[in-house]
Amino acid sequence: MATAAADGAPFAACGRADLPTRALCGTVDVPYGPDPGDDRTTRIEVVRLPATEATGATPLVVIAGDPGSALDRWVGGLAATFDGVGATRDVIFVGARGTGAGGKDCPLYPSLEAMFGDLLPASAIAACQADGDRSGTTSALAVADLDAVRVALGIERIDLFADGPATRVALAYAAGNEDRVRALALRGAWPPDFNPTLAFAAAAQRAFDQLFVRCARNGPCRKAFDDVKRDFTRGLARLRKEPGSVIVTDPEMGHDATVTLGDDTFGTGLRLALDDPETYGRVPAAIAATAAGDLGPAAALILVVRQRLDDLDLGAHLDARCVEDGPDLATTDLVDATKLTYLGDGWARAYRDACALWAPAVAAPVEAPAIDLDMPTLLIAGEIDPWAVPAMSEAMLPGLANGRLVVLKGPAHGTEEAEACVGSLVAEFVATGSADGLDIACAQAAPALDFFIPDVTEP
């Protein structure tokens, strides 16, 4: 039976292959902006997994995804992660404004050739800017949206889980609604004052260095690829001096195109490939092939990660990034801030230039509050997560009176082992309402490292 959502569409069976059959999908209409005199609304997508046993336990609310990432991109994976949680309590996944049913389609890369061009093309930004009104997407508005969804669903208190960029929203929500949050779990936490755009080059340096070490310690990878770090720096230098040409095939349309591959696209593309276990293991082979003059493997990986970026709702993404992180980009010497890194200022410069073109729907960011929370808080980080390193979570602990950090060997995202571990940790945490005494054995298990080794046997 469908359940009604106040000020939104009724909930009905989702009917999605990646969700349990009991999953209910719907929307909740929330205020368009902070002005109480503005009676306009915008729409938030919600997926609800009713508990399989009616225990009356506090529901777990889940928020995740990059700014501009629609709910349908991440809900299936996290629904599987929290399958055990859903046995005794509702699990509710809340999307972000400006995405999905509440967003609009602003293609970032309209052609195969564009996939290998500028990270944030000026033409795409201009087209999105001209495509109607936007309500803005910032942490402050996301906090208000989350509480509006809670009220609409008739929930008094919640357990709250957030992942990656959404952890900033969760921290702000918990700070302003301590009586509404029973327990808080954060994976890959971003501190309130963290600027991911400025931190990209340094984080990439660490992620690549970890990759080089792990390949060197892995017998098959070490045997196949003599010196991945050397090959990577040589490849970057060669493409910086003279971009290369490579033929790529559009996997959907099937047609070929000759594209130009420069050092920025090569470096940032392979860095983003480290985010996903499915592409992580192919990076050494792509680096070695590039050093040997074959850009094909690297181009194939770059196409995969650019297609993921193309799935973002561009307007919502730029609203969040430019309002909250843009001011620092405009006043920072990017070359100096990223010196001595493999990738330099390319990523930060792309966002600085994009934000100079983008007129955010909200004029100024809300100052990030200091962390000072009393509720039970579980922080989960992965040793090789490229974005949120464990040290970032560790630095937050002094502001968490009842906080605990659990570090997974390997990644905390994406692999079957990592997702199962996170699911079991959060299930035990919300069941007991405490981060003390958790069984963290799964976090100590070192994951298998599967590197792709190309077949070079002679016929």
Protein backbone atom coordinates (compact mmCIF):
# COMPACT_ATOMS: atom_id res chain seq x y z
CA MET A 1 0.00 0.00 0.00
CA ALA A 2 1.24 3.48 -0.78
CA THR A 3 1.92 5.81 2.11
CA ALA A 4 1.07 9.48 1.86
CA ALA A 5 3.73 12.15 2.11
CA ALA A 6 2.64 15.59 3.27
CA ASP A 7 3.00 18.24 0.54
CA GLY A 8 4.29 15.78 -2.04
CA ALA A 9 3.47 12.79 -4.20
CA PRO A 10 2.16 9.65 -2.49
CA PHE A 11 4.65 6.86 -1.95
CA ALA A 12 4.23 3.77 -4.08
CA ALA A 13 6.24 0.65 -4.88
CA CYS A 14 9.46 1.63 -6.62
CA GLY A 15 9.53 -1.39 -8.90
CA ARG A 16 13.30 -1.07 -9.38
CA ALA A 17 15.52 -4.09 -9.89
CA ASP A 18 18.25 -2.61 -7.66
CA LEU A 19 15.92 -2.14 -4.68
CA PRO A 20 14.04 -4.62 -2.46
CA THR A 21 10.46 -5.23 -3.54
CA ARG A 22 9.19 -3.53 -0.38
CA ALA A 23 10.89 -0.23 -1.32
CA LEU A 24 8.54 2.76 -1.63
CA CYS A 25 9.37 5.78 -3.79
CA GLY A 26 7.89 9.26 -3.59
CA THR A 27 8.63 12.94 -3.28
CA VAL A 28 8.27 15.61 -0.62
CA ASP A 29 7.76 19.27 -1.49
CA VAL A 30 9.92 21.60 0.61
CA PRO A 31 10.14 25.40 0.79
CA TYR A 32 11.94 26.89 -2.19
CA GLY A 33 14.11 29.22 -0.12
CA PRO A 34 14.64 30.59 3.37
CA ASP A 35 12.16 33.48 2.97
CA PRO A 36 8.96 32.51 4.85
CA GLY A 37 7.02 34.85 2.57
CA ASP A 38 7.96 32.82 -0.50
CA ASP A 39 5.26 30.20 -1.04
CA ARG A 40 7.09 28.39 -3.83
CA THR A 41 8.33 24.82 -3.30
CA THR A 42 10.91 22.48 -4.78
CA ARG A 43 10.78 18.71 -4.85
CA ILE A 44 12.91 16.21 -2.93
CA GLU A 45 13.01 12.56 -3.93
CA VAL A 46 12.71 9.99 -1.14
CA VAL A 47 12.99 6.20 -1.02
CA ARG A 48 11.64 4.39 2.04
CA LEU A 49 12.47 0.81 2.98
CA PRO A 50 9.88 -0.22 5.60
CA ALA A 51 11.25 -2.40 8.39
CA THR A 52 10.64 -6.10 7.83
CA GLU A 53 9.75 -6.37 11.54
CA ALA A 54 7.56 -3.73 13.20
CA THR A 55 9.70 -2.86 16.23
CA GLY A 56 9.11 0.89 16.42
CA ALA A 57 12.87 1.52 16.36
CA THR A 58 14.21 4.93 15.36
CA PRO A 59 14.38 5.18 11.54
CA LEU A 60 17.78 5.47 9.85
CA VAL A 61 17.89 8.41 7.43
CA VAL A 62 20.58 8.23 4.75
CA ILE A 63 22.02 11.09 2.68
CA ALA A 64 24.86 10.66 0.21
CA GLY A 65 26.22 11.61 -3.19
CA ASP A 66 28.15 14.57 -4.56
CA PRO A 67 26.34 17.89 -4.89
CA GLY A 68 24.29 17.45 -8.05
CA SER A 69 24.17 13.66 -7.72
CA ALA A 70 20.60 12.38 -8.04
CA LEU A 71 19.20 9.86 -5.57
CA ASP A 72 18.78 7.16 -8.20
CA ARG A 73 22.55 7.11 -8.79
CA TRP A 74 23.43 5.94 -5.29
CA VAL A 75 20.35 4.55 -3.56
CA GLY A 76 20.62 1.02 -4.94
CA GLY A 77 24.12 0.46 -3.58
CA LEU A 78 23.37 1.85 -0.13
CA ALA A 79 20.08 -0.04 0.07
CA ALA A 80 22.14 -3.23 -0.22
CA THR A 81 24.66 -1.94 2.33
CA PHE A 82 21.92 -1.34 4.91
CA ASP A 83 19.83 -4.41 4.20
CA GLY A 84 20.59 -5.72 7.71
CA VAL A 85 19.60 -2.41 9.31
CA GLY A 86 16.21 -2.60 7.60
CA ALA A 87 15.25 -5.74 9.46
CA THR A 88 14.27 -3.79 12.57
CA ARG A 89 13.82 -0.16 11.48
CA ASP A 90 12.77 1.89 8.47
CA VAL A 91 15.63 3.09 6.28
CA ILE A 92 14.87 6.35 4.47
CA PHE A 93 17.04 7.67 1.65
CA VAL A 94 16.73 11.41 0.99
CA GLY A 95 17.80 13.05 -2.27
CA ALA A 96 19.06 16.57 -2.82
CA ARG A 97 17.25 19.58 -4.25
CA GLY A 98 18.05 20.45 -7.83
CA THR A 99 18.45 16.79 -8.80
CA GLY A 100 16.19 14.05 -10.14
CA ALA A 101 12.52 15.05 -10.19
CA GLY A 102 13.43 18.46 -8.80
CA GLY A 103 16.24 19.17 -11.24
CA LYS A 104 16.81 19.83 -14.89
CA ASP A 105 18.99 18.32 -17.55
CA CYS A 106 22.13 20.37 -18.19
CA PRO A 107 24.51 18.17 -20.21
CA LEU A 108 28.13 18.73 -19.27
CA TYR A 109 29.65 16.93 -22.23
CA PRO A 110 27.34 16.99 -25.29
CA SER A 111 29.69 14.97 -27.50
CA LEU A 112 32.35 12.30 -27.37
CA GLU A 113 35.00 14.87 -28.20
CA ALA A 114 33.82 17.07 -25.31
CA MET A 115 34.41 14.18 -22.91
CA PHE A 116 38.14 14.77 -23.38
CA GLY A 117 38.06 18.57 -23.35
CA ASP A 118 37.69 21.05 -20.52
CA LEU A 119 36.60 19.59 -17.19
CA LEU A 120 33.84 22.22 -16.84
CA PRO A 121 33.20 23.64 -20.33
CA ALA A 122 32.18 27.32 -20.47
CA SER A 123 29.59 26.53 -23.14
CA ALA A 124 27.85 23.98 -20.90
CA ILE A 125 27.84 26.41 -17.99
CA ALA A 126 26.34 29.19 -20.12
CA ALA A 127 23.62 26.88 -21.44
CA CYS A 128 22.70 25.72 -17.93
CA GLN A 129 22.75 29.27 -16.60
CA ALA A 130 20.22 30.31 -19.21
CA ASP A 131 17.95 27.32 -18.57
CA GLY A 132 15.48 28.80 -16.13
CA ASP A 133 15.32 29.57 -12.40
CA ARG A 134 17.15 27.67 -9.68
CA SER A 135 16.54 27.52 -5.95
CA GLY A 136 20.19 26.97 -5.10
CA THR A 137 21.92 24.05 -3.43
CA THR A 138 23.92 24.74 -0.27
CA SER A 139 24.46 22.95 3.02
CA ALA A 140 22.17 25.43 4.78
CA LEU A 141 19.29 24.73 2.38
CA ALA A 142 20.01 20.98 2.51
CA VAL A 143 19.70 21.08 6.30
CA ALA A 144 16.31 22.78 6.02
CA ASP A 145 15.23 20.27 3.36
CA LEU A 146 16.19 17.32 5.55
CA ASP A 147 14.13 18.62 8.45
CA ALA A 148 11.19 19.35 6.16
CA VAL A 149 11.29 15.75 4.96
CA ARG A 150 11.41 14.50 8.56
CA VAL A 151 8.36 16.57 9.45
CA ALA A 152 6.48 15.54 6.31
CA LEU A 153 7.04 11.88 7.11
CA GLY A 154 5.88 12.35 10.70
CA ILE A 155 9.16 11.28 12.32
CA GLU A 156 10.16 12.64 15.73
CA ARG A 157 13.78 11.44 15.99
CA ILE A 158 16.18 9.91 13.51
CA ASP A 159 19.44 8.05 13.33
CA LEU A 160 21.43 9.76 10.58
CA PHE A 161 24.01 8.30 8.18
CA ALA A 162 25.88 10.42 5.66
CA ASP A 163 28.58 9.67 3.13
CA GLY A 164 31.34 11.88 1.72
CA PRO A 165 30.22 15.40 0.75
CA ALA A 166 26.85 14.84 2.46
CA THR A 167 28.61 14.57 5.82
CA ARG A 168 28.87 18.37 5.90
CA VAL A 169 25.08 18.53 5.74
CA ALA A 170 24.74 15.87 8.42
CA LEU A 171 27.09 17.67 10.80
CA ALA A 172 25.25 20.95 10.32
CA TYR A 173 21.88 19.24 10.79
CA ALA A 174 23.02 17.48 13.97
CA ALA A 175 24.43 20.73 15.37
CA GLY A 176 21.14 22.54 14.89
CA ASN A 177 18.83 19.65 15.80
CA GLU A 178 20.51 17.72 18.61
CA ASP A 179 17.13 16.79 20.06
CA ARG A 180 16.13 15.24 16.72
CA VAL A 181 19.23 13.08 16.11
CA ARG A 182 19.65 10.02 18.31
CA ALA A 183 22.87 8.74 16.70
CA LEU A 184 25.12 9.97 13.89
CA ALA A 185 27.24 7.81 11.54
CA LEU A 186 29.57 9.37 8.97
CA ARG A 187 31.62 7.59 6.32
CA GLY A 188 34.48 9.46 4.67
CA ALA A 189 33.65 12.57 6.70
CA TRP A 190 34.36 16.07 5.39
CA PRO A 191 34.97 18.63 8.16
CA PRO A 192 32.79 21.75 7.86
CA ASP A 193 35.72 23.90 6.74
CA PHE A 194 37.10 21.38 4.23
CA ASN A 195 37.50 22.73 0.68
CA PRO A 196 37.64 19.66 -1.60
CA THR A 197 38.57 21.70 -4.65
CA LEU A 198 41.67 23.23 -3.06
CA ALA A 199 42.56 19.88 -1.48
CA PHE A 200 42.24 17.89 -4.71
CA ALA A 201 45.89 18.06 -5.83
CA ALA A 202 47.34 17.10 -2.44
CA ALA A 203 44.78 14.30 -2.01
CA ALA A 204 45.58 13.05 -5.51
CA GLN A 205 49.29 13.02 -4.64
CA ARG A 206 48.58 10.78 -1.67
CA ALA A 207 46.23 8.52 -3.64
CA PHE A 208 48.71 7.99 -6.48
CA ASP A 209 51.61 7.38 -4.08
CA GLN A 210 49.53 4.74 -2.28
CA LEU A 211 48.74 3.12 -5.62
CA PHE A 212 52.42 2.99 -6.56
CA VAL A 213 53.33 1.38 -3.24
CA ARG A 214 50.51 -1.17 -3.42
CA CYS A 215 51.46 -2.16 -6.95
CA ALA A 216 55.11 -2.57 -5.91
CA ARG A 217 54.02 -4.84 -3.03
CA ASN A 218 51.75 -6.92 -5.26
CA GLY A 219 53.68 -9.67 -7.03
CA PRO A 220 51.84 -9.75 -10.38
CA CYS A 221 51.60 -5.94 -10.57
CA ARG A 222 55.28 -5.48 -9.71
CA LYS A 223 56.29 -8.06 -12.31
CA ALA A 224 54.12 -6.59 -15.07
CA PHE A 225 54.94 -2.92 -14.47
CA ASP A 226 58.51 -2.10 -13.63
CA ASP A 227 58.08 1.41 -12.18
CA VAL A 228 54.58 2.86 -12.25
CA LYS A 229 55.54 6.13 -10.58
CA ARG A 230 58.27 6.77 -13.15
CA ASP A 231 55.91 5.95 -16.02
CA PHE A 232 53.23 8.23 -14.58
CA THR A 233 55.47 11.26 -14.20
CA ARG A 234 56.94 10.69 -17.67
CA GLY A 235 53.49 10.38 -19.20
CA LEU A 236 52.33 13.60 -17.54
CA ALA A 237 55.44 15.44 -18.71
CA ARG A 238 55.05 14.19 -22.29
CA LEU A 239 51.38 15.17 -22.51
CA ARG A 240 52.08 18.52 -20.87
CA LYS A 241 54.65 19.23 -23.57
CA GLU A 242 52.55 17.88 -26.43
CA PRO A 243 49.00 16.50 -26.06
CA GLY A 244 48.42 13.22 -27.85
CA SER A 245 45.68 11.98 -30.17
CA VAL A 246 43.78 8.75 -29.68
CA ILE A 247 40.75 7.09 -31.27
CA VAL A 248 37.95 6.30 -28.81
CA THR A 249 34.63 4.55 -29.29
CA ASP A 250 31.34 5.74 -27.83
CA PRO A 251 30.01 2.64 -26.02
CA GLU A 252 26.39 3.74 -26.44
CA MET A 253 26.37 5.06 -30.00
CA GLY A 254 29.18 2.83 -31.28
CA HIS A 255 30.88 5.52 -33.38
CA ASP A 256 34.56 6.41 -33.25
CA ALA A 257 36.15 9.81 -32.75
CA THR A 258 39.71 11.07 -32.65
CA VAL A 259 40.22 13.06 -29.46
CA THR A 260 43.08 15.04 -27.97
CA LEU A 261 44.42 13.99 -24.59
CA GLY A 262 46.37 16.54 -22.52
CA ASP A 263 48.06 16.29 -19.16
CA ASP A 264 45.18 17.76 -17.12
CA THR A 265 42.62 15.36 -18.59
CA PHE A 266 45.03 12.43 -18.25
CA GLY A 267 46.01 13.16 -14.63
CA THR A 268 42.59 14.06 -13.24
CA GLY A 269 40.93 11.26 -15.19
CA LEU A 270 43.19 8.59 -13.74
CA ARG A 271 42.85 10.14 -10.29
CA LEU A 272 39.04 9.85 -10.49
CA ALA A 273 39.42 6.27 -11.68
CA LEU A 274 40.92 5.53 -8.24
CA ASP A 275 37.51 6.30 -6.67
CA ASP A 276 35.92 3.08 -7.95
CA PRO A 277 37.30 -0.41 -7.27
CA GLU A 278 36.18 -1.45 -10.75
CA THR A 279 38.57 1.03 -12.37
CA TYR A 280 41.22 1.31 -9.60
CA GLY A 281 42.96 -1.91 -10.61
CA ARG A 282 43.28 -0.82 -14.25
CA VAL A 283 45.19 2.38 -13.56
CA PRO A 284 48.73 0.88 -13.47
CA ALA A 285 48.17 -0.81 -16.85
CA ALA A 286 46.87 2.46 -18.32
CA ILE A 287 49.92 4.33 -16.99
CA ALA A 288 52.34 1.75 -18.39
CA ALA A 289 50.62 1.79 -21.78
CA THR A 290 50.80 5.59 -21.91
CA ALA A 291 54.54 5.43 -21.20
CA ALA A 292 54.85 3.00 -24.11
CA GLY A 293 53.00 5.39 -26.42
CA ASP A 294 49.54 3.78 -26.31
CA LEU A 295 46.90 6.21 -25.00
CA GLY A 296 44.01 3.79 -25.55
CA PRO A 297 43.76 2.23 -22.05
CA ALA A 298 43.98 5.63 -20.33
CA ALA A 299 41.39 7.09 -22.70
CA ALA A 300 39.01 4.21 -21.92
CA LEU A 301 39.25 4.91 -18.18
CA ILE A 302 38.87 8.66 -18.69
CA LEU A 303 35.72 8.08 -20.74
CA VAL A 304 34.20 6.08 -17.85
CA VAL A 305 34.89 8.77 -15.24
CA ARG A 306 33.78 11.64 -17.51
CA GLN A 307 30.49 9.81 -18.11
CA ARG A 308 30.01 9.71 -14.33
CA LEU A 309 30.61 13.46 -14.16
CA ASP A 310 28.15 13.96 -17.01
CA ASP A 311 25.45 12.33 -14.86
CA LEU A 312 25.65 15.19 -12.34
CA ASP A 313 22.97 17.86 -12.34
CA LEU A 314 25.34 20.66 -13.30
CA GLY A 315 23.34 23.55 -11.84
CA ALA A 316 22.99 21.97 -8.40
CA HIS A 317 26.65 20.94 -8.45
CA LEU A 318 27.94 24.42 -9.26
CA ASP A 319 25.58 26.12 -6.83
CA ALA A 320 27.04 24.09 -3.97
CA ARG A 321 30.65 24.23 -5.05
CA CYS A 322 30.71 27.89 -6.04
CA VAL A 323 28.82 29.21 -3.00
CA GLU A 324 30.65 27.16 -0.37
CA ASP A 325 34.09 26.61 -1.90
CA GLY A 326 34.32 29.25 -4.62
CA PRO A 327 35.32 32.29 -2.52
CA ASP A 328 38.55 30.60 -1.39
CA LEU A 329 39.37 29.72 -5.00
CA ALA A 330 39.08 33.35 -6.05
CA THR A 331 41.48 34.59 -3.37
CA THR A 332 44.06 31.77 -3.30
CA ASP A 333 47.25 31.55 -5.35
CA LEU A 334 46.38 28.20 -6.90
CA VAL A 335 49.80 27.60 -8.39
CA ASP A 336 51.47 28.09 -5.02
CA ALA A 337 48.82 26.06 -3.18
CA THR A 338 49.32 23.05 -5.46
CA LYS A 339 53.05 23.23 -6.11
CA LEU A 340 55.10 20.06 -5.81
CA THR A 341 52.08 17.90 -6.65
CA TYR A 342 51.74 15.63 -9.68
CA LEU A 343 48.62 17.38 -10.99
CA GLY A 344 49.23 21.02 -10.10
CA ASP A 345 46.41 23.55 -10.20
CA GLY A 346 44.38 22.15 -13.12
CA TRP A 347 41.39 20.91 -11.09
CA ALA A 348 41.18 23.99 -8.86
CA ARG A 349 41.64 26.32 -11.83
CA ALA A 350 38.77 24.63 -13.68
CA TYR A 351 36.42 25.26 -10.75
CA ARG A 352 37.69 28.80 -10.19
CA ASP A 353 37.00 29.67 -13.82
CA ALA A 354 33.62 27.91 -13.76
CA CYS A 355 32.56 29.77 -10.62
CA ALA A 356 33.57 33.08 -12.21
CA LEU A 357 31.04 32.32 -14.96
CA TRP A 358 28.34 30.86 -12.72
CA ALA A 359 25.93 33.16 -10.89
CA PRO A 360 24.96 31.19 -7.79
CA ALA A 361 21.31 31.25 -6.82
CA VAL A 362 22.39 32.00 -3.25
CA ALA A 363 24.69 34.98 -2.81
CA ALA A 364 26.86 33.98 0.14
CA PRO A 365 27.79 30.86 2.09
CA VAL A 366 26.89 30.23 5.71
CA GLU A 367 29.97 30.16 7.93
CA ALA A 368 30.93 26.62 8.86
CA PRO A 369 30.25 25.96 12.56
CA ALA A 370 32.78 24.33 14.86
CA ILE A 371 32.04 20.70 15.67
CA ASP A 372 30.62 20.32 19.20
CA LEU A 373 28.27 17.35 19.46
CA ASP A 374 27.24 15.14 22.38
CA MET A 375 25.25 12.44 20.56
CA PRO A 376 26.86 9.03 19.87
CA THR A 377 28.86 9.44 16.66
CA LEU A 378 30.56 6.78 14.56
CA LEU A 379 33.18 7.88 12.02
CA ILE A 380 34.23 5.38 9.35
CA ALA A 381 37.21 5.95 7.06
CA GLY A 382 39.27 3.89 4.64
CA GLU A 383 43.05 3.79 4.51
CA ILE A 384 43.11 4.32 0.73
CA ASP A 385 40.03 6.45 0.19
CA PRO A 386 41.22 9.18 -2.21
CA TRP A 387 39.01 12.00 -0.89
CA ALA A 388 38.48 11.73 2.86
CA VAL A 389 41.66 10.43 4.47
CA PRO A 390 41.44 8.99 8.00
CA ALA A 391 43.35 11.98 9.42
CA MET A 392 40.40 14.21 8.50
CA SER A 393 38.07 12.12 10.66
CA GLU A 394 40.62 11.88 13.45
CA ALA A 395 40.87 15.68 13.59
CA MET A 396 37.12 15.85 14.23
CA LEU A 397 37.14 13.63 17.33
CA PRO A 398 37.88 16.40 19.89
CA GLY A 399 34.53 17.97 19.02
CA LEU A 400 32.62 14.71 19.40
CA ALA A 401 32.06 13.94 23.08
CA ASN A 402 30.84 10.42 22.29
CA GLY A 403 32.65 9.85 19.02
CA ARG A 404 34.70 6.93 17.74
CA LEU A 405 36.73 6.42 14.56
CA VAL A 406 36.95 3.04 12.82
CA VAL A 407 39.46 2.79 9.97
CA LEU A 408 39.07 0.07 7.36
CA LYS A 409 42.19 -1.40 5.80
CA GLY A 410 41.84 -0.56 2.12
CA PRO A 411 38.84 1.45 0.89
CA ALA A 412 35.69 2.18 2.87
CA HIS A 413 33.62 2.34 -0.32
CA GLY A 414 32.72 0.26 -3.29
CA THR A 415 34.03 -3.23 -2.62
CA GLU A 416 31.74 -6.00 -1.45
CA GLU A 417 33.84 -6.42 1.70
CA ALA A 418 33.83 -2.70 2.53
CA GLU A 419 30.08 -2.30 2.05
CA ALA A 420 29.35 -5.39 4.14
CA CYS A 421 31.62 -4.08 6.91
CA VAL A 422 30.07 -0.62 6.91
CA GLY A 423 26.60 -2.14 6.94
CA SER A 424 27.40 -4.35 9.94
CA LEU A 425 29.10 -1.52 11.84
CA VAL A 426 26.17 0.85 11.35
CA ALA A 427 23.62 -1.89 12.15
CA GLU A 428 25.31 -2.61 15.49
CA PHE A 429 25.80 1.10 16.19
CA VAL A 430 22.15 2.06 15.76
CA ALA A 431 20.96 -1.09 17.55
CA THR A 432 22.95 -0.23 20.69
CA GLY A 433 22.96 3.55 20.36
CA SER A 434 26.67 3.58 21.19
CA ALA A 435 29.97 3.44 19.31
CA ASP A 436 31.59 1.67 22.26
CA GLY A 437 32.10 -2.09 22.13
CA LEU A 438 31.53 -2.45 18.39
CA ASP A 439 32.81 -5.58 16.69
CA ILE A 440 35.38 -4.08 14.30
CA ALA A 441 36.98 -7.33 13.13
CA CYS A 442 35.81 -6.71 9.56
CA ALA A 443 37.71 -3.40 9.49
CA GLN A 444 40.99 -5.20 10.19
CA ALA A 445 40.71 -7.61 7.27
CA ALA A 446 43.03 -6.49 4.46
CA PRO A 447 41.16 -6.53 1.12
CA ALA A 448 42.46 -8.42 -1.89
CA LEU A 449 44.23 -6.27 -4.46
CA ASP A 450 43.21 -7.19 -7.98
CA PHE A 451 45.26 -5.37 -10.59
CA PHE A 452 44.50 -5.81 -14.26
CA ILE A 453 47.46 -7.44 -16.01
CA PRO A 454 47.18 -7.29 -19.82
CA ASP A 455 47.83 -10.50 -21.74
CA VAL A 456 51.07 -9.98 -23.65
CA THR A 457 51.73 -13.58 -24.61
CA GLU A 458 52.87 -14.11 -28.17
CA PRO A 459 50.55 -16.10 -30.49
